[in-house]
Amino acid sequence: MKQQKLMLLTLLLCVGLLVVSSGITFARYRHEHREGVAFQIREPGSILIGTMKDEVFTSSDQLEWIVKGDVASLQFAVANGSSEDDYSTSDQAIRLRMIGSLGILKDGEPPELSVTFVPQRGNGEEKTVNAIVSPIAEGTALYHSYGAGWLYTFYESTAEGIRELTWELSGDSWSYITLMVKIQGKLPEGLSLLQPLISAESIGD
């Protein structure tokens, strides 16, 4: 009888240790983890999406959200080619929008997004622009492609008024822009349900 009690106590202790160790592992994972996300490119521009490290561009068809505490960030580069020896010679205007499915809601509201970048004209200081979020309108091309969800659009003030934020990639040489999208505060459970939509349009033709 004592042996059975001892075995039962040992079993319960092992289970308890397993639960505690799993909890610690999960907490560490929540502190900093990566979640893959696909992206979409709209023609007619000729661009590549990827990452920049030590001034070396690496094209990628899979981007990663990085979560640290209550901030999730998605950093990537948009380039007009793979290198100084292989690039598009057309001047292009780049637009960024973010598409989110209905599953990104947190407490019934879509999360707030911002994009941070270094302006192509200026003193080299970073600039952050908050996105305007709106439902994807039923019957539109986006609705047919993604279904019901949310559209995030970035705007800027210009001498001509408010317009959608764009970046230019010159066709005179290999060029790129680095962007970082951030969510801060209440993070949605499914970050992979939130993806960038990049459009590139040739200009000056």
Protein backbone atom coordinates (compact mmCIF):
# COMPACT_ATOMS: atom_id res chain seq x y z
CA MET A 1 0.00 0.00 0.00
CA LYS A 2 2.80 2.35 0.92
CA GLN A 3 4.57 1.40 -2.30
CA GLN A 4 1.49 2.27 -4.34
CA LYS A 5 1.17 5.66 -2.59
CA LEU A 6 4.84 6.36 -3.19
CA MET A 7 4.52 5.48 -6.90
CA LEU A 8 1.43 7.69 -7.23
CA LEU A 9 3.20 10.58 -5.51
CA THR A 10 6.23 10.17 -7.80
CA LEU A 11 3.96 10.15 -10.88
CA LEU A 12 2.18 13.33 -9.78
CA LEU A 13 5.53 15.02 -9.12
CA CYS A 14 6.75 14.13 -12.63
CA VAL A 15 3.56 15.46 -14.22
CA GLY A 16 3.86 18.67 -12.21
CA LEU A 17 7.46 19.19 -13.31
CA LEU A 18 6.44 18.62 -16.94
CA VAL A 19 3.66 21.22 -16.73
CA VAL A 20 5.96 23.77 -15.07
CA SER A 21 8.74 23.27 -17.62
CA SER A 22 6.25 23.54 -20.50
CA GLY A 23 4.90 26.76 -19.06
CA ILE A 24 8.38 28.26 -18.88
CA THR A 25 9.10 27.23 -22.47
CA PHE A 26 5.82 28.74 -23.70
CA ALA A 27 6.48 31.99 -21.83
CA ARG A 28 9.90 32.27 -23.47
CA TYR A 29 8.35 31.61 -26.88
CA ARG A 30 5.79 34.35 -26.32
CA HIS A 31 8.53 36.76 -25.30
CA GLU A 32 10.26 36.53 -28.67
CA HIS A 33 9.08 34.41 -31.56
CA ARG A 34 8.81 34.52 -35.33
CA GLU A 35 5.77 33.92 -37.45
CA GLY A 36 5.99 33.53 -41.21
CA VAL A 37 3.78 35.49 -43.57
CA ALA A 38 3.39 35.46 -47.34
CA PHE A 39 3.25 38.61 -49.42
CA GLN A 40 1.69 39.66 -52.72
CA ILE A 41 3.16 41.77 -55.53
CA ARG A 42 1.04 43.55 -58.10
CA GLU A 43 2.34 44.12 -61.61
CA PRO A 44 3.25 45.90 -63.88
CA GLY A 45 6.36 46.96 -61.96
CA SER A 46 9.47 44.83 -61.74
CA ILE A 47 10.53 44.50 -58.10
CA LEU A 48 11.79 41.98 -55.57
CA ILE A 49 10.97 41.63 -51.87
CA GLY A 50 13.51 40.38 -49.36
CA THR A 51 15.88 41.39 -46.59
CA MET A 52 18.96 43.59 -46.34
CA LYS A 53 21.93 42.63 -44.19
CA ASP A 54 25.34 44.28 -44.38
CA GLU A 55 24.26 45.97 -47.63
CA VAL A 56 23.55 42.57 -49.20
CA PHE A 57 20.03 41.99 -50.54
CA THR A 58 18.49 38.52 -50.28
CA SER A 59 15.26 37.89 -52.14
CA SER A 60 12.64 35.93 -50.20
CA ASP A 61 9.09 34.71 -50.76
CA GLN A 62 8.50 34.37 -47.01
CA LEU A 63 8.71 37.21 -44.51
CA GLU A 64 8.70 36.91 -40.72
CA TRP A 65 6.91 38.81 -37.99
CA ILE A 66 9.17 39.11 -34.95
CA VAL A 67 7.39 39.48 -31.61
CA LYS A 68 9.15 41.00 -28.59
CA GLY A 69 6.91 41.68 -25.63
CA ASP A 70 3.90 43.67 -26.82
CA VAL A 71 5.48 44.80 -30.13
CA ALA A 72 5.37 42.84 -33.40
CA SER A 73 7.51 44.01 -36.31
CA LEU A 74 7.85 42.99 -39.95
CA GLN A 75 10.98 44.36 -41.62
CA PHE A 76 11.71 43.92 -45.31
CA ALA A 77 13.28 45.58 -48.32
CA VAL A 78 11.76 46.36 -51.72
CA ALA A 79 14.35 46.49 -54.52
CA ASN A 80 14.28 47.03 -58.27
CA GLY A 81 16.47 43.97 -58.79
CA SER A 82 18.77 41.48 -57.12
CA SER A 83 22.06 43.39 -57.40
CA GLU A 84 23.96 46.22 -59.10
CA ASP A 85 24.39 43.89 -62.09
CA ASP A 86 20.73 42.89 -62.37
CA TYR A 87 17.99 45.51 -61.96
CA SER A 88 15.05 47.08 -63.74
CA THR A 89 15.89 50.21 -65.72
CA SER A 90 12.38 51.66 -65.30
CA ASP A 91 11.62 54.32 -62.69
CA GLN A 92 8.98 52.86 -60.38
CA ALA A 93 6.56 54.09 -57.73
CA ILE A 94 6.11 51.66 -54.84
CA ARG A 95 3.01 51.50 -52.64
CA LEU A 96 2.51 49.47 -49.49
CA ARG A 97 -0.83 48.31 -48.18
CA MET A 98 -1.53 45.73 -45.52
CA ILE A 99 -4.31 43.17 -45.83
CA GLY A 100 -5.82 41.54 -42.77
CA SER A 101 -8.46 38.85 -42.51
CA LEU A 102 -11.31 38.97 -40.01
CA GLY A 103 -9.20 36.77 -37.71
CA ILE A 104 -6.86 39.64 -36.80
CA LEU A 105 -9.46 41.30 -34.57
CA LYS A 106 -8.41 41.80 -30.95
CA ASP A 107 -11.20 42.59 -28.51
CA GLY A 108 -13.43 43.22 -31.52
CA GLU A 109 -11.12 45.81 -33.12
CA PRO A 110 -8.43 45.56 -35.83
CA PRO A 111 -4.94 46.35 -34.50
CA GLU A 112 -3.25 49.68 -35.24
CA LEU A 113 -0.34 49.60 -37.69
CA SER A 114 2.50 51.95 -38.58
CA VAL A 115 5.35 51.90 -41.09
CA THR A 116 8.81 53.28 -40.31
CA PHE A 117 11.32 54.23 -43.03
CA VAL A 118 14.05 56.70 -43.91
CA PRO A 119 12.68 59.27 -46.38
CA GLN A 120 14.47 59.31 -49.71
CA ARG A 121 14.70 63.08 -49.50
CA GLY A 122 15.63 64.67 -46.20
CA ASN A 123 18.20 64.54 -43.42
CA GLY A 124 18.28 60.75 -43.06
CA GLU A 125 16.08 60.63 -39.97
CA GLU A 126 13.48 57.87 -39.68
CA LYS A 127 9.84 58.71 -40.23
CA THR A 128 6.82 56.81 -38.94
CA VAL A 129 3.39 56.95 -40.57
CA ASN A 130 0.27 55.42 -39.03
CA ALA A 131 -2.09 53.47 -41.26
CA ILE A 132 -5.75 54.21 -41.88
CA VAL A 133 -7.79 51.01 -41.57
CA SER A 134 -11.06 50.36 -43.37
CA PRO A 135 -13.16 47.27 -44.19
CA ILE A 136 -12.46 45.66 -47.56
CA ALA A 137 -15.40 46.80 -49.67
CA GLU A 138 -17.63 43.99 -50.91
CA GLY A 139 -17.57 43.51 -54.66
CA THR A 140 -14.08 45.01 -55.16
CA ALA A 141 -11.09 43.19 -56.65
CA LEU A 142 -9.55 42.94 -53.18
CA TYR A 143 -12.73 41.39 -51.82
CA HIS A 144 -12.73 38.76 -54.58
CA SER A 145 -9.05 38.00 -53.87
CA TYR A 146 -9.06 38.04 -50.05
CA GLY A 147 -12.68 38.00 -48.93
CA ALA A 148 -14.00 39.99 -45.99
CA GLY A 149 -11.30 41.66 -43.95
CA TRP A 150 -9.40 44.88 -43.40
CA LEU A 151 -7.36 47.17 -45.63
CA TYR A 152 -4.55 49.30 -44.15
CA THR A 153 -3.47 52.30 -46.25
CA PHE A 154 -0.68 54.80 -45.53
CA TYR A 155 -1.03 58.50 -46.44
CA GLU A 156 1.25 61.53 -46.45
CA SER A 157 0.78 65.29 -46.66
CA THR A 158 2.17 66.97 -49.78
CA ALA A 159 1.97 70.41 -51.38
CA GLU A 160 -0.86 69.03 -53.52
CA GLY A 161 -2.73 67.69 -50.48
CA ILE A 162 -3.13 64.28 -48.84
CA ARG A 163 -2.09 61.34 -51.00
CA GLU A 164 -1.18 57.71 -50.60
CA LEU A 165 2.40 57.22 -49.43
CA THR A 166 4.79 56.13 -52.20
CA TRP A 167 8.50 55.49 -52.62
CA GLU A 168 10.45 55.80 -55.86
CA LEU A 169 12.99 53.28 -57.13
CA SER A 170 15.16 54.90 -59.78
CA GLY A 171 15.99 52.91 -62.89
CA ASP A 172 19.36 54.67 -63.20
CA SER A 173 20.92 52.15 -60.82
CA TRP A 174 20.10 49.33 -58.42
CA SER A 175 17.99 50.82 -55.63
CA TYR A 176 15.88 49.74 -52.69
CA ILE A 177 13.81 50.98 -49.75
CA THR A 178 13.71 49.35 -46.32
CA LEU A 179 10.37 49.32 -44.49
CA MET A 180 9.35 48.21 -41.01
CA VAL A 181 5.70 47.61 -40.19
CA LYS A 182 4.84 47.56 -36.50
CA ILE A 183 1.92 46.58 -34.29
CA GLN A 184 2.12 47.82 -30.73
CA GLY A 185 -0.19 47.02 -27.85
CA LYS A 186 -2.86 44.36 -28.18
CA LEU A 187 -1.43 41.85 -30.63
CA PRO A 188 -3.74 39.59 -32.64
CA GLU A 189 -3.28 35.83 -32.24
CA GLY A 190 -2.88 35.19 -35.97
CA LEU A 191 -0.13 37.53 -37.22
CA SER A 192 0.20 35.38 -40.33
CA LEU A 193 -3.32 36.57 -41.26
CA LEU A 194 -1.86 40.05 -41.76
CA GLN A 195 0.21 40.40 -44.93
CA PRO A 196 1.78 43.15 -47.04
CA LEU A 197 0.50 43.94 -50.50
CA ILE A 198 3.17 45.67 -52.58
CA SER A 199 2.32 47.42 -55.84
CA ALA A 200 4.85 48.76 -58.32
CA GLU A 201 3.99 51.13 -61.14
CA SER A 202 6.36 52.29 -63.87
CA ILE A 203 6.60 56.09 -64.05
CA GLY A 204 8.03 58.54 -66.52
CA ASP A 205 7.52 56.36 -69.59
